[in-house]
């Protein structure tokens, strides 16, 4: 199971890293070229602001999946430090909450992508790119978040029991 998790993690990490890198570079280049053109000529890229807005939209959601990978989502950590007994239940509650959010995001994102796909006029204002491309990111990232959180939940559930049992055996043997 660990080998499968590593492969999935590597594959999803590759998607996250390269898509985030590519999107940010695209936005940076568009913004910088626009600034240079504004300052040196009378020309301007009328679409650069739209590109930057869409990249921010994309990186916000794709970054959520990357944050799960790095275990850097916001969660309750003061309470388990005060009462260590509640650490595991709160961790499980946190993972389940993220999974519910990911499922809702997948479901609603799919619905939004379908609605905008059917609307022939749902296009970006300057580049005239169909909006459903951007809304299609929501179910994709929702699935990625759900898979990552499920993997972490399984890993933590499996690793917590043997470590506790192993620690108890070591302390018993050491006595």
N, C-alpha and C. Protein backbone atom coordinates (compact mmCIF):
# COMPACT_ATOMS: atom_id res chain seq x y z
N UNK A 1 0.83 -1.19 0.00
CA UNK A 1 0.00 0.00 0.00
C UNK A 1 0.89 1.27 0.00
N UNK A 2 2.01 1.21 0.71
CA UNK A 2 2.89 2.37 0.77
C UNK A 2 3.44 2.71 -0.61
N UNK A 3 3.74 1.67 -1.39
CA UNK A 3 4.25 1.91 -2.76
C UNK A 3 3.21 2.60 -3.62
N UNK A 4 1.96 2.18 -3.49
CA UNK A 4 0.88 2.81 -4.26
C UNK A 4 0.72 4.26 -3.83
N UNK A 5 0.74 4.50 -2.51
CA UNK A 5 0.61 5.86 -2.00
C UNK A 5 1.76 6.74 -2.49
N UNK A 6 2.98 6.18 -2.51
CA UNK A 6 4.12 6.97 -2.99
C UNK A 6 3.97 7.32 -4.47
N UNK A 7 3.50 6.36 -5.25
CA UNK A 7 3.30 6.63 -6.68
C UNK A 7 2.23 7.70 -6.90
N UNK A 8 1.11 7.56 -6.22
CA UNK A 8 0.03 8.54 -6.35
C UNK A 8 0.52 9.90 -5.88
N UNK A 9 1.23 9.93 -4.75
CA UNK A 9 1.76 11.18 -4.21
C UNK A 9 2.72 11.83 -5.20
N UNK A 10 3.59 11.05 -5.78
CA UNK A 10 4.55 11.56 -6.76
C UNK A 10 3.83 12.10 -7.99
N UNK A 11 2.84 11.37 -8.47
CA UNK A 11 2.09 11.77 -9.65
C UNK A 11 1.32 13.07 -9.40
N UNK A 12 0.59 13.11 -8.28
CA UNK A 12 -0.15 14.33 -7.95
C UNK A 12 0.80 15.50 -7.68
N UNK A 13 1.91 15.23 -7.02
CA UNK A 13 2.90 16.28 -6.77
C UNK A 13 3.46 16.85 -8.06
N UNK A 14 3.69 15.99 -9.02
CA UNK A 14 4.18 16.44 -10.33
C UNK A 14 3.16 17.36 -10.99
N UNK A 15 1.90 16.97 -10.96
CA UNK A 15 0.83 17.81 -11.54
C UNK A 15 0.77 19.15 -10.82
N UNK A 16 0.77 19.12 -9.49
CA UNK A 16 0.68 20.36 -8.71
C UNK A 16 1.87 21.28 -8.98
N UNK A 17 3.05 20.72 -8.85
CA UNK A 17 4.26 21.55 -8.98
C UNK A 17 4.37 22.20 -10.36
N UNK A 18 4.20 21.40 -11.40
CA UNK A 18 4.39 21.94 -12.74
C UNK A 18 3.25 22.85 -13.17
N UNK A 19 2.03 22.54 -12.77
CA UNK A 19 0.93 23.43 -13.15
C UNK A 19 1.04 24.76 -12.41
N UNK A 20 1.41 24.72 -11.14
CA UNK A 20 1.60 25.96 -10.39
C UNK A 20 2.76 26.77 -10.95
N UNK A 21 3.86 26.10 -11.23
CA UNK A 21 5.02 26.78 -11.80
C UNK A 21 4.68 27.44 -13.14
N UNK A 22 4.04 26.68 -14.01
CA UNK A 22 3.70 27.20 -15.34
C UNK A 22 2.73 28.37 -15.24
N UNK A 23 1.71 28.24 -14.40
CA UNK A 23 0.72 29.31 -14.27
C UNK A 23 1.34 30.59 -13.72
N UNK A 24 2.17 30.46 -12.69
CA UNK A 24 2.78 31.65 -12.10
C UNK A 24 3.76 32.31 -13.07
N UNK A 25 4.52 31.51 -13.79
CA UNK A 25 5.43 32.08 -14.79
C UNK A 25 4.64 32.81 -15.87
N UNK A 26 3.54 32.22 -16.32
CA UNK A 26 2.69 32.87 -17.32
C UNK A 26 2.18 34.22 -16.83
N UNK A 27 1.68 34.25 -15.61
CA UNK A 27 1.16 35.50 -15.05
C UNK A 27 2.28 36.52 -14.87
N UNK A 28 3.42 36.07 -14.40
CA UNK A 28 4.55 36.96 -14.19
C UNK A 28 5.04 37.57 -15.50
N UNK A 29 5.16 36.75 -16.52
CA UNK A 29 5.60 37.25 -17.83
C UNK A 29 4.58 38.23 -18.40
N UNK A 30 3.30 37.88 -18.33
CA UNK A 30 2.26 38.78 -18.85
C UNK A 30 2.27 40.12 -18.11
N UNK A 31 2.39 40.07 -16.80
CA UNK A 31 2.39 41.31 -16.01
C UNK A 31 3.64 42.15 -16.28
N UNK A 32 4.79 41.49 -16.35
CA UNK A 32 6.04 42.23 -16.57
C UNK A 32 6.09 42.83 -17.97
N UNK A 33 5.67 42.09 -18.97
CA UNK A 33 5.65 42.63 -20.33
C UNK A 33 4.70 43.82 -20.40
N UNK A 34 3.56 43.72 -19.74
CA UNK A 34 2.61 44.82 -19.73
C UNK A 34 3.22 46.06 -19.06
N UNK A 35 3.91 45.87 -17.95
CA UNK A 35 4.54 47.00 -17.26
C UNK A 35 5.61 47.65 -18.12
N UNK A 36 6.43 46.83 -18.75
CA UNK A 36 7.49 47.36 -19.62
C UNK A 36 6.87 48.12 -20.79
N UNK A 37 5.84 47.54 -21.39
CA UNK A 37 5.19 48.22 -22.51
C UNK A 37 4.56 49.55 -22.08
N UNK A 38 3.92 49.58 -20.93
CA UNK A 38 3.30 50.82 -20.44
C UNK A 38 4.33 51.92 -20.18
N UNK A 39 5.47 51.52 -19.63
CA UNK A 39 6.48 52.51 -19.25
C UNK A 39 7.32 52.98 -20.43
N UNK A 40 7.51 52.13 -21.44
CA UNK A 40 8.40 52.48 -22.54
C UNK A 40 7.68 52.89 -23.82
N UNK A 41 6.42 52.50 -23.95
CA UNK A 41 5.68 52.83 -25.17
C UNK A 41 4.28 53.30 -24.78
N UNK A 42 3.49 53.56 -25.78
CA UNK A 42 2.10 53.94 -25.52
C UNK A 42 1.18 52.71 -25.61
N UNK A 43 1.77 51.54 -25.76
CA UNK A 43 0.98 50.31 -25.87
C UNK A 43 0.81 49.64 -24.51
N UNK A 44 -0.20 48.79 -24.44
CA UNK A 44 -0.49 48.06 -23.22
C UNK A 44 -1.16 46.74 -23.59
N UNK A 45 -0.88 45.72 -22.80
CA UNK A 45 -1.57 44.44 -23.00
C UNK A 45 -2.89 44.49 -22.25
N UNK A 46 -3.96 44.66 -22.97
CA UNK A 46 -5.27 44.82 -22.35
C UNK A 46 -5.73 43.56 -21.63
N UNK A 47 -5.13 42.43 -21.92
CA UNK A 47 -5.57 41.16 -21.35
C UNK A 47 -4.70 40.67 -20.19
N UNK A 48 -3.62 41.37 -19.86
CA UNK A 48 -2.71 40.86 -18.84
C UNK A 48 -3.36 40.77 -17.45
N UNK A 49 -4.21 41.73 -17.11
CA UNK A 49 -4.89 41.68 -15.81
C UNK A 49 -5.80 40.46 -15.71
N UNK A 50 -6.45 40.14 -16.80
CA UNK A 50 -7.33 38.97 -16.80
C UNK A 50 -6.52 37.69 -16.61
N UNK A 51 -5.37 37.61 -17.23
CA UNK A 51 -4.51 36.43 -17.07
C UNK A 51 -4.09 36.30 -15.61
N UNK A 52 -3.68 37.40 -15.01
CA UNK A 52 -3.25 37.37 -13.60
C UNK A 52 -4.41 36.94 -12.70
N UNK A 53 -5.61 37.46 -12.93
CA UNK A 53 -6.77 37.07 -12.11
C UNK A 53 -7.07 35.58 -12.23
N UNK A 54 -7.02 35.05 -13.44
CA UNK A 54 -7.30 33.63 -13.64
C UNK A 54 -6.21 32.75 -13.04
N UNK A 55 -4.98 33.22 -13.08
CA UNK A 55 -3.88 32.47 -12.46
C UNK A 55 -4.05 32.46 -10.94
N UNK A 56 -4.46 33.56 -10.36
CA UNK A 56 -4.71 33.60 -8.91
C UNK A 56 -5.82 32.62 -8.55
N UNK A 57 -6.88 32.59 -9.34
CA UNK A 57 -7.97 31.63 -9.13
C UNK A 57 -7.43 30.20 -9.16
N UNK A 58 -6.66 29.90 -10.18
CA UNK A 58 -6.12 28.55 -10.36
C UNK A 58 -5.17 28.17 -9.23
N UNK A 59 -4.24 29.07 -8.91
CA UNK A 59 -3.24 28.74 -7.89
C UNK A 59 -3.85 28.63 -6.49
N UNK A 60 -4.92 29.33 -6.24
CA UNK A 60 -5.59 29.21 -4.93
C UNK A 60 -6.08 27.79 -4.72
N UNK A 61 -6.74 27.24 -5.71
CA UNK A 61 -7.30 25.90 -5.55
C UNK A 61 -6.24 24.82 -5.69
N UNK A 62 -5.36 24.93 -6.66
CA UNK A 62 -4.30 23.94 -6.81
C UNK A 62 -3.36 23.98 -5.60
N UNK A 63 -3.16 25.17 -5.05
CA UNK A 63 -2.34 25.31 -3.86
C UNK A 63 -2.93 24.63 -2.64
N UNK A 64 -4.26 24.50 -2.59
CA UNK A 64 -4.90 23.80 -1.48
C UNK A 64 -4.50 22.32 -1.48
N UNK A 65 -4.43 21.73 -2.64
CA UNK A 65 -4.00 20.34 -2.73
C UNK A 65 -2.52 20.21 -2.35
N UNK A 66 -1.72 21.15 -2.80
CA UNK A 66 -0.29 21.14 -2.43
C UNK A 66 -0.12 21.36 -0.92
N UNK A 67 -0.97 22.15 -0.31
CA UNK A 67 -0.90 22.38 1.13
C UNK A 67 -1.23 21.10 1.90
N UNK A 68 -2.13 20.31 1.38
CA UNK A 68 -2.44 19.03 2.02
C UNK A 68 -1.22 18.13 1.95
N UNK A 69 -0.56 18.12 0.81
CA UNK A 69 0.64 17.29 0.65
C UNK A 69 1.70 17.67 1.68
N UNK A 70 1.86 18.95 1.92
CA UNK A 70 2.87 19.43 2.86
C UNK A 70 2.36 19.48 4.31
N UNK A 71 1.13 19.02 4.50
CA UNK A 71 0.49 19.02 5.82
C UNK A 71 0.50 20.42 6.45
N UNK A 72 0.15 21.40 5.63
CA UNK A 72 0.17 22.78 6.11
C UNK A 72 -1.18 23.47 6.04
N UNK A 73 -2.25 22.69 6.02
CA UNK A 73 -3.58 23.28 6.12
C UNK A 73 -3.80 23.76 7.55
N UNK A 74 -4.67 24.73 7.69
CA UNK A 74 -5.01 25.24 9.02
C UNK A 74 -5.79 24.17 9.76
N UNK A 75 -5.40 23.94 11.02
CA UNK A 75 -6.12 22.98 11.84
C UNK A 75 -5.95 23.32 13.32
N UNK A 76 -6.76 22.69 14.11
CA UNK A 76 -6.71 22.95 15.55
C UNK A 76 -5.46 22.28 16.11
N UNK A 77 -4.57 23.09 16.69
CA UNK A 77 -3.37 22.48 17.26
C UNK A 77 -3.13 22.86 18.72
N UNK A 78 -3.75 23.91 19.21
CA UNK A 78 -3.54 24.31 20.61
C UNK A 78 -4.25 23.35 21.55
N UNK A 79 -5.46 22.97 21.23
CA UNK A 79 -6.23 22.09 22.10
C UNK A 79 -5.55 20.73 22.29
N UNK A 80 -5.08 20.08 21.20
CA UNK A 80 -4.39 18.80 21.40
C UNK A 80 -3.08 18.94 22.19
N UNK A 81 -2.45 20.10 22.14
CA UNK A 81 -1.24 20.28 22.94
C UNK A 81 -1.57 20.37 24.42
N UNK A 82 -2.70 20.97 24.74
CA UNK A 82 -3.13 21.05 26.14
C UNK A 82 -3.68 19.72 26.64
N UNK A 83 -4.38 19.02 25.77
CA UNK A 83 -4.99 17.74 26.12
C UNK A 83 -4.60 16.70 25.06
N UNK A 84 -3.46 16.05 25.22
CA UNK A 84 -2.96 15.09 24.22
C UNK A 84 -3.91 13.95 23.91
N UNK A 85 -4.82 13.68 24.83
CA UNK A 85 -5.79 12.61 24.62
C UNK A 85 -6.66 12.87 23.38
N UNK A 86 -6.90 14.14 23.08
CA UNK A 86 -7.78 14.51 21.97
C UNK A 86 -7.05 14.69 20.64
N UNK A 87 -5.76 14.44 20.61
CA UNK A 87 -4.99 14.68 19.37
C UNK A 87 -5.48 13.82 18.21
N UNK A 88 -5.61 12.53 18.42
CA UNK A 88 -6.03 11.64 17.34
C UNK A 88 -7.47 11.90 16.90
N UNK A 89 -8.43 12.04 17.83
CA UNK A 89 -9.80 12.34 17.37
C UNK A 89 -9.90 13.66 16.61
N UNK A 90 -9.17 14.69 17.05
CA UNK A 90 -9.22 15.97 16.34
C UNK A 90 -8.53 15.90 14.99
N UNK A 91 -7.48 15.10 14.89
CA UNK A 91 -6.82 14.89 13.60
C UNK A 91 -7.77 14.20 12.64
N UNK A 92 -8.45 13.19 13.12
CA UNK A 92 -9.43 12.49 12.28
C UNK A 92 -10.55 13.44 11.88
N UNK A 93 -11.05 14.23 12.82
CA UNK A 93 -12.09 15.21 12.52
C UNK A 93 -11.61 16.22 11.47
N UNK A 94 -10.39 16.65 11.58
CA UNK A 94 -9.82 17.58 10.61
C UNK A 94 -9.77 16.96 9.21
N UNK A 95 -9.30 15.72 9.13
CA UNK A 95 -9.23 15.04 7.83
C UNK A 95 -10.62 14.81 7.25
N UNK A 96 -11.54 14.40 8.08
CA UNK A 96 -12.91 14.17 7.59
C UNK A 96 -13.53 15.48 7.11
N UNK A 97 -13.26 16.58 7.81
CA UNK A 97 -13.78 17.89 7.38
C UNK A 97 -13.22 18.28 6.02
N UNK A 98 -11.94 18.05 5.82
CA UNK A 98 -11.33 18.36 4.52
C UNK A 98 -11.92 17.47 3.43
N UNK A 99 -12.17 16.20 3.76
CA UNK A 99 -12.75 15.29 2.78
C UNK A 99 -14.17 15.72 2.40
N UNK A 100 -14.94 16.17 3.38
CA UNK A 100 -16.30 16.66 3.10
C UNK A 100 -16.22 17.91 2.22
N UNK A 101 -15.31 18.83 2.57
CA UNK A 101 -15.13 20.03 1.74
C UNK A 101 -14.73 19.66 0.32
N UNK A 102 -13.80 18.72 0.18
CA UNK A 102 -13.35 18.30 -1.15
C UNK A 102 -14.49 17.67 -1.95
N UNK A 103 -15.31 16.87 -1.29
CA UNK A 103 -16.44 16.25 -1.98
C UNK A 103 -17.45 17.30 -2.43
N UNK A 104 -17.75 18.27 -1.57
CA UNK A 104 -18.68 19.34 -1.94
C UNK A 104 -18.08 20.18 -3.07
N UNK A 105 -16.79 20.47 -2.99
CA UNK A 105 -16.15 21.24 -4.05
C UNK A 105 -16.18 20.49 -5.39
N UNK A 106 -16.00 19.19 -5.33
CA UNK A 106 -16.07 18.39 -6.56
C UNK A 106 -17.47 18.42 -7.14
N UNK A 107 -18.46 18.20 -6.30
CA UNK A 107 -19.84 18.16 -6.75
C UNK A 107 -20.29 19.52 -7.29
N UNK A 108 -20.10 20.57 -6.51
CA UNK A 108 -20.53 21.90 -6.96
C UNK A 108 -19.68 22.41 -8.13
N UNK A 109 -18.39 22.12 -8.11
CA UNK A 109 -17.52 22.53 -9.21
C UNK A 109 -17.91 21.86 -10.52
N UNK A 110 -18.27 20.59 -10.45
CA UNK A 110 -18.73 19.89 -11.64
C UNK A 110 -20.01 20.52 -12.17
N UNK A 111 -20.92 20.85 -11.26
CA UNK A 111 -22.17 21.51 -11.66
C UNK A 111 -21.92 22.87 -12.30
N UNK A 112 -21.00 23.65 -11.70
CA UNK A 112 -20.68 24.97 -12.28
C UNK A 112 -20.02 24.83 -13.65
N UNK A 113 -19.15 23.84 -13.79
CA UNK A 113 -18.50 23.62 -15.09
C UNK A 113 -19.53 23.22 -16.14
N UNK A 114 -20.50 22.40 -15.75
CA UNK A 114 -21.55 22.01 -16.69
C UNK A 114 -22.40 23.21 -17.11
N UNK A 115 -22.77 24.03 -16.16
CA UNK A 115 -23.61 25.20 -16.46
C UNK A 115 -22.87 26.14 -17.42
N UNK A 116 -21.61 26.42 -17.12
CA UNK A 116 -20.87 27.35 -17.99
C UNK A 116 -20.52 26.71 -19.33
N UNK A 117 -20.41 25.39 -19.38
CA UNK A 117 -20.16 24.71 -20.65
C UNK A 117 -21.36 24.87 -21.58
N UNK A 118 -22.55 24.79 -21.02
CA UNK A 118 -23.77 24.91 -21.82
C UNK A 118 -24.06 26.35 -22.27
N UNK A 119 -23.48 27.31 -21.57
CA UNK A 119 -23.72 28.73 -21.88
C UNK A 119 -22.68 29.20 -22.90
N UNK A 120 -23.12 29.43 -24.11
CA UNK A 120 -22.21 29.84 -25.19
C UNK A 120 -21.61 31.22 -24.95
N UNK A 121 -22.23 32.02 -24.09
CA UNK A 121 -21.75 33.37 -23.84
C UNK A 121 -20.85 33.47 -22.60
N UNK A 122 -20.65 32.38 -21.91
CA UNK A 122 -19.81 32.39 -20.70
C UNK A 122 -18.35 32.31 -21.12
N UNK A 123 -17.80 33.47 -21.43
CA UNK A 123 -16.40 33.56 -21.85
C UNK A 123 -15.73 34.70 -21.09
N UNK A 124 -14.41 34.62 -21.00
CA UNK A 124 -13.69 35.70 -20.32
C UNK A 124 -13.87 36.99 -21.13
N UNK A 125 -13.78 38.10 -20.45
CA UNK A 125 -14.13 39.37 -21.09
C UNK A 125 -13.16 39.79 -22.19
N UNK A 126 -11.89 39.61 -22.01
CA UNK A 126 -10.95 40.10 -23.03
C UNK A 126 -10.43 39.02 -23.95
N UNK A 127 -10.08 37.88 -23.41
CA UNK A 127 -9.51 36.81 -24.25
C UNK A 127 -10.55 35.89 -24.87
N UNK A 128 -11.79 35.98 -24.39
CA UNK A 128 -12.89 35.17 -24.92
C UNK A 128 -12.63 33.66 -24.79
N UNK A 129 -11.99 33.28 -23.68
CA UNK A 129 -11.77 31.87 -23.38
C UNK A 129 -13.01 31.36 -22.64
N UNK A 130 -13.53 30.20 -23.03
CA UNK A 130 -14.70 29.68 -22.32
C UNK A 130 -14.42 29.52 -20.82
N UNK A 131 -15.34 30.02 -20.00
CA UNK A 131 -15.18 29.99 -18.55
C UNK A 131 -15.17 28.58 -17.98
N UNK A 132 -15.77 27.63 -18.67
CA UNK A 132 -15.85 26.29 -18.11
C UNK A 132 -14.47 25.68 -17.94
N UNK A 133 -13.47 26.14 -18.71
CA UNK A 133 -12.11 25.65 -18.51
C UNK A 133 -11.65 25.94 -17.08
N UNK A 134 -11.96 27.11 -16.61
CA UNK A 134 -11.53 27.51 -15.27
C UNK A 134 -12.34 26.82 -14.19
N UNK A 135 -13.63 26.63 -14.42
CA UNK A 135 -14.45 25.94 -13.44
C UNK A 135 -14.17 24.44 -13.41
N UNK A 136 -13.62 23.91 -14.48
CA UNK A 136 -13.25 22.49 -14.50
C UNK A 136 -12.12 22.19 -13.52
N UNK A 137 -11.40 23.20 -13.10
CA UNK A 137 -10.34 23.03 -12.11
C UNK A 137 -10.93 22.60 -10.76
N UNK A 138 -12.11 23.08 -10.44
CA UNK A 138 -12.71 22.80 -9.12
C UNK A 138 -12.92 21.31 -8.87
N UNK A 139 -13.60 20.57 -9.76
CA UNK A 139 -13.75 19.14 -9.47
C UNK A 139 -12.42 18.38 -9.52
N UNK A 140 -11.52 18.81 -10.40
CA UNK A 140 -10.21 18.17 -10.48
C UNK A 140 -9.46 18.31 -9.16
N UNK A 141 -9.39 19.52 -8.65
CA UNK A 141 -8.69 19.76 -7.39
C UNK A 141 -9.45 19.13 -6.22
N UNK A 142 -10.77 19.12 -6.28
CA UNK A 142 -11.54 18.46 -5.23
C UNK A 142 -11.19 16.98 -5.12
N UNK A 143 -11.08 16.32 -6.25
CA UNK A 143 -10.70 14.91 -6.26
C UNK A 143 -9.27 14.74 -5.74
N UNK A 144 -8.37 15.62 -6.18
CA UNK A 144 -6.99 15.54 -5.70
C UNK A 144 -6.92 15.73 -4.18
N UNK A 145 -7.67 16.69 -3.66
CA UNK A 145 -7.69 16.93 -2.22
C UNK A 145 -8.26 15.73 -1.48
N UNK A 146 -9.32 15.16 -2.01
CA UNK A 146 -9.94 14.01 -1.37
C UNK A 146 -8.97 12.83 -1.33
N UNK A 147 -8.30 12.58 -2.44
CA UNK A 147 -7.35 11.46 -2.51
C UNK A 147 -6.19 11.68 -1.54
N UNK A 148 -5.63 12.88 -1.55
CA UNK A 148 -4.50 13.17 -0.65
C UNK A 148 -4.89 13.04 0.82
N UNK A 149 -6.05 13.58 1.16
CA UNK A 149 -6.50 13.52 2.55
C UNK A 149 -6.80 12.09 2.97
N UNK A 150 -7.40 11.33 2.09
CA UNK A 150 -7.66 9.92 2.38
C UNK A 150 -6.35 9.17 2.61
N UNK A 151 -5.37 9.43 1.78
CA UNK A 151 -4.06 8.78 1.96
C UNK A 151 -3.45 9.16 3.30
N UNK A 152 -3.52 10.43 3.67
CA UNK A 152 -2.96 10.86 4.95
C UNK A 152 -3.71 10.25 6.12
N UNK A 153 -5.02 10.19 6.00
CA UNK A 153 -5.84 9.60 7.07
C UNK A 153 -5.47 8.13 7.27
N UNK A 154 -5.33 7.40 6.18
CA UNK A 154 -4.96 5.98 6.27
C UNK A 154 -3.56 5.83 6.85
N UNK A 155 -2.62 6.66 6.38
CA UNK A 155 -1.25 6.59 6.90
C UNK A 155 -1.21 6.89 8.40
N UNK A 156 -1.89 7.93 8.82
CA UNK A 156 -1.88 8.28 10.24
C UNK A 156 -2.59 7.23 11.08
N UNK A 157 -3.64 6.67 10.57
CA UNK A 157 -4.37 5.65 11.31
C UNK A 157 -3.48 4.41 11.47
N UNK A 158 -2.81 4.00 10.39
CA UNK A 158 -1.95 2.81 10.44
C UNK A 158 -0.67 3.04 11.23
N UNK A 159 -0.10 4.23 11.12
CA UNK A 159 1.16 4.51 11.81
C UNK A 159 0.99 4.78 13.29
N UNK A 160 -0.16 5.29 13.70
CA UNK A 160 -0.36 5.65 15.10
C UNK A 160 -0.42 4.40 15.98
N UNK A 161 -1.10 3.37 15.53
CA UNK A 161 -1.25 2.17 16.36
C UNK A 161 0.07 1.44 16.57
N UNK A 162 0.86 1.13 15.49
CA UNK A 162 2.10 0.42 15.72
C UNK A 162 3.10 1.22 16.56
N UNK A 163 3.15 2.55 16.38
CA UNK A 163 4.09 3.35 17.15
C UNK A 163 3.73 3.30 18.62
N UNK A 164 2.46 3.41 18.93
CA UNK A 164 2.02 3.37 20.32
C UNK A 164 2.32 2.01 20.93
N UNK A 165 2.00 0.93 20.18
CA UNK A 165 2.27 -0.41 20.68
C UNK A 165 3.77 -0.62 20.84
N UNK A 166 4.54 -0.14 19.87
CA UNK A 166 5.99 -0.29 19.92
C UNK A 166 6.58 0.48 21.09
N UNK A 167 6.08 1.68 21.33
CA UNK A 167 6.57 2.49 22.45
C UNK A 167 6.25 1.81 23.77
N UNK A 168 5.04 1.24 23.88
CA UNK A 168 4.68 0.56 25.12
C UNK A 168 5.56 -0.65 25.36
N UNK A 169 5.85 -1.41 24.29
CA UNK A 169 6.69 -2.59 24.43
C UNK A 169 8.10 -2.19 24.82
N UNK A 170 8.61 -1.10 24.21
CA UNK A 170 9.97 -0.67 24.53
C UNK A 170 10.07 -0.21 25.97
N UNK A 171 9.06 0.51 26.44
CA UNK A 171 9.12 0.98 27.82
C UNK A 171 8.98 -0.18 28.79
N UNK A 172 8.19 -1.21 28.43
CA UNK A 172 8.05 -2.37 29.28
C UNK A 172 9.35 -3.15 29.32
N UNK A 173 10.00 -3.28 28.13
CA UNK A 173 11.26 -4.02 28.07
C UNK A 173 12.37 -3.27 28.81
N UNK A 174 12.34 -1.93 28.72
CA UNK A 174 13.37 -1.12 29.35
C UNK A 174 13.27 -1.15 30.87
N UNK A 175 12.12 -1.47 31.40
CA UNK A 175 11.93 -1.49 32.86
C UNK A 175 12.47 -2.72 33.43
